[in-house]
Amino acid sequence: MKRFFVGLIVLMAAVFIAVVGDAENKNTGIGEAVIHLEKGRMPQVTFPHHMHQKALDNNCNACHDMFPKQPGIIKEMIFQEKLRKKQVMNSKCLKCHKDQKKAGLASGPTQCSACHVRSK
């Protein structure tokens, strides 16, 4: 159970910027995928999907219960008003990271600037 929450927290950090989801090279998310989540007003987030998959023991539904496994789907669903801006970030990413931290387990970032890093 602890391992599940650690994985969920890590996964949530990536999906964290639910403003937009865009898979690099139309990657399916399998393996070493890195997904770039575009920003609203904040800098883009580089989401290590593979790290979250591993931490969640490949439990895709930990996040994908809110949106299908499809490149760019978060952005599309926000446009279609099926998701609110920051909905995934707040209800998945931050919630999981904070729950993990509260339980004394390894967790992902809980501050916006830890994922939204300005490029130099």
Protein backbone atom coordinates (compact mmCIF):
# COMPACT_ATOMS: atom_id res chain seq x y z
CA MET A 1 0.00 0.00 0.00
CA LYS A 2 2.85 2.39 0.83
CA ARG A 3 4.48 1.64 -2.50
CA PHE A 4 1.24 2.44 -4.30
CA PHE A 5 1.00 5.86 -2.66
CA VAL A 6 4.65 6.63 -3.39
CA GLY A 7 4.08 5.79 -7.02
CA LEU A 8 0.87 7.74 -7.15
CA ILE A 9 2.59 10.79 -5.73
CA VAL A 10 5.40 10.60 -8.24
CA LEU A 11 2.93 10.17 -11.08
CA MET A 12 0.91 13.11 -9.91
CA ALA A 13 3.92 15.40 -9.98
CA ALA A 14 4.18 14.85 -13.69
CA VAL A 15 0.59 15.27 -14.53
CA PHE A 16 0.85 18.17 -12.13
CA ILE A 17 0.51 20.84 -14.77
CA ALA A 18 -2.77 19.66 -16.11
CA VAL A 19 -3.11 22.75 -18.18
CA VAL A 20 -1.90 20.80 -21.19
CA GLY A 21 -0.58 17.35 -21.94
CA ASP A 22 1.67 16.78 -24.90
CA ALA A 23 3.61 13.55 -25.46
CA GLU A 24 6.99 13.98 -27.06
CA ASN A 25 7.28 12.23 -30.43
CA LYS A 26 3.74 10.87 -30.02
CA ASN A 27 5.13 8.50 -27.43
CA THR A 28 2.71 6.01 -25.95
CA GLY A 29 4.10 6.59 -22.47
CA ILE A 30 5.70 3.17 -22.33
CA GLY A 31 9.29 2.80 -21.21
CA GLU A 32 11.58 5.81 -20.99
CA ALA A 33 8.98 8.36 -22.11
CA VAL A 34 9.37 11.96 -21.11
CA ILE A 35 6.24 14.02 -21.53
CA HIS A 36 6.28 17.79 -21.70
CA LEU A 37 3.29 19.36 -20.04
CA GLU A 38 2.83 22.82 -21.38
CA LYS A 39 2.07 25.70 -19.16
CA GLY A 40 -0.55 28.27 -18.68
CA ARG A 41 1.30 31.20 -17.15
CA MET A 42 3.96 28.95 -15.61
CA PRO A 43 6.98 27.35 -17.29
CA GLN A 44 6.59 23.96 -18.99
CA VAL A 45 6.93 20.82 -16.87
CA THR A 46 9.08 17.90 -17.98
CA PHE A 47 7.20 14.84 -16.71
CA PRO A 48 9.20 11.62 -16.33
CA HIS A 49 6.33 9.29 -17.19
CA HIS A 50 8.49 6.16 -16.92
CA MET A 51 9.50 7.07 -13.35
CA HIS A 52 5.85 7.47 -12.36
CA GLN A 53 4.92 4.19 -14.06
CA LYS A 54 7.60 2.41 -12.06
CA ALA A 55 6.63 4.07 -8.78
CA LEU A 56 2.99 3.13 -9.34
CA ASP A 57 3.79 -0.44 -10.36
CA ASN A 58 2.33 0.33 -13.79
CA ASN A 59 -1.08 1.17 -12.31
CA CYS A 60 -2.13 3.46 -15.17
CA ASN A 61 -5.54 4.11 -13.63
CA ALA A 62 -3.92 5.98 -10.77
CA CYS A 63 -4.02 8.97 -13.13
CA HIS A 64 -5.68 7.79 -16.29
CA ASP A 65 -9.04 7.38 -14.59
CA MET A 66 -9.47 11.12 -15.32
CA PHE A 67 -8.25 11.14 -18.92
CA PRO A 68 -7.46 8.56 -21.63
CA LYS A 69 -3.96 7.46 -22.57
CA GLN A 70 -3.57 9.76 -25.54
CA PRO A 71 -0.98 12.44 -26.38
CA GLY A 72 -2.33 15.94 -25.83
CA ILE A 73 -5.55 14.71 -24.21
CA ILE A 74 -5.41 16.95 -21.14
CA LYS A 75 -5.18 20.08 -23.29
CA GLU A 76 -7.98 18.79 -25.52
CA MET A 77 -10.26 17.95 -22.59
CA ILE A 78 -9.70 21.38 -21.05
CA PHE A 79 -10.60 22.96 -24.39
CA GLN A 80 -13.74 20.80 -24.54
CA GLU A 81 -14.51 21.82 -20.93
CA LYS A 82 -14.39 18.18 -19.79
CA LEU A 83 -11.56 19.06 -17.39
CA ARG A 84 -10.90 22.30 -15.54
CA LYS A 85 -7.49 23.96 -15.61
CA LYS A 86 -5.34 22.56 -12.80
CA GLN A 87 -7.90 19.80 -12.08
CA VAL A 88 -5.44 16.98 -12.68
CA MET A 89 -2.65 18.81 -10.89
CA ASN A 90 -4.73 19.53 -7.79
CA SER A 91 -6.74 16.32 -7.52
CA LYS A 92 -4.01 13.91 -8.62
CA CYS A 93 -0.46 15.27 -8.53
CA LEU A 94 -0.48 17.50 -5.48
CA LYS A 95 -2.90 15.32 -3.55
CA CYS A 96 -0.75 12.25 -4.03
CA HIS A 97 2.51 14.05 -3.25
CA LYS A 98 1.07 15.61 -0.10
CA ASP A 99 -0.48 12.31 1.05
CA GLN A 100 2.87 10.57 0.60
CA LYS A 101 4.74 13.28 2.46
CA LYS A 102 2.19 13.25 5.29
CA ALA A 103 2.60 9.47 5.58
CA GLY A 104 6.36 9.98 5.95
CA LEU A 105 7.10 8.36 2.60
CA ALA A 106 9.19 9.55 -0.31
CA SER A 107 7.14 12.00 -2.32
CA GLY A 108 7.27 14.27 -5.29
CA PRO A 109 7.34 18.05 -5.09
CA THR A 110 4.54 19.93 -3.36
CA GLN A 111 5.55 23.41 -4.50
CA CYS A 112 4.70 24.72 -7.99
CA SER A 113 8.22 25.98 -8.70
CA ALA A 114 9.71 22.53 -8.13
CA CYS A 115 8.10 21.23 -11.33
CA HIS A 116 7.64 24.50 -13.23
CA VAL A 117 11.32 25.22 -13.75
CA ARG A 118 12.34 28.09 -15.99
CA SER A 119 14.87 27.06 -18.60
CA LYS A 120 18.18 28.87 -18.50
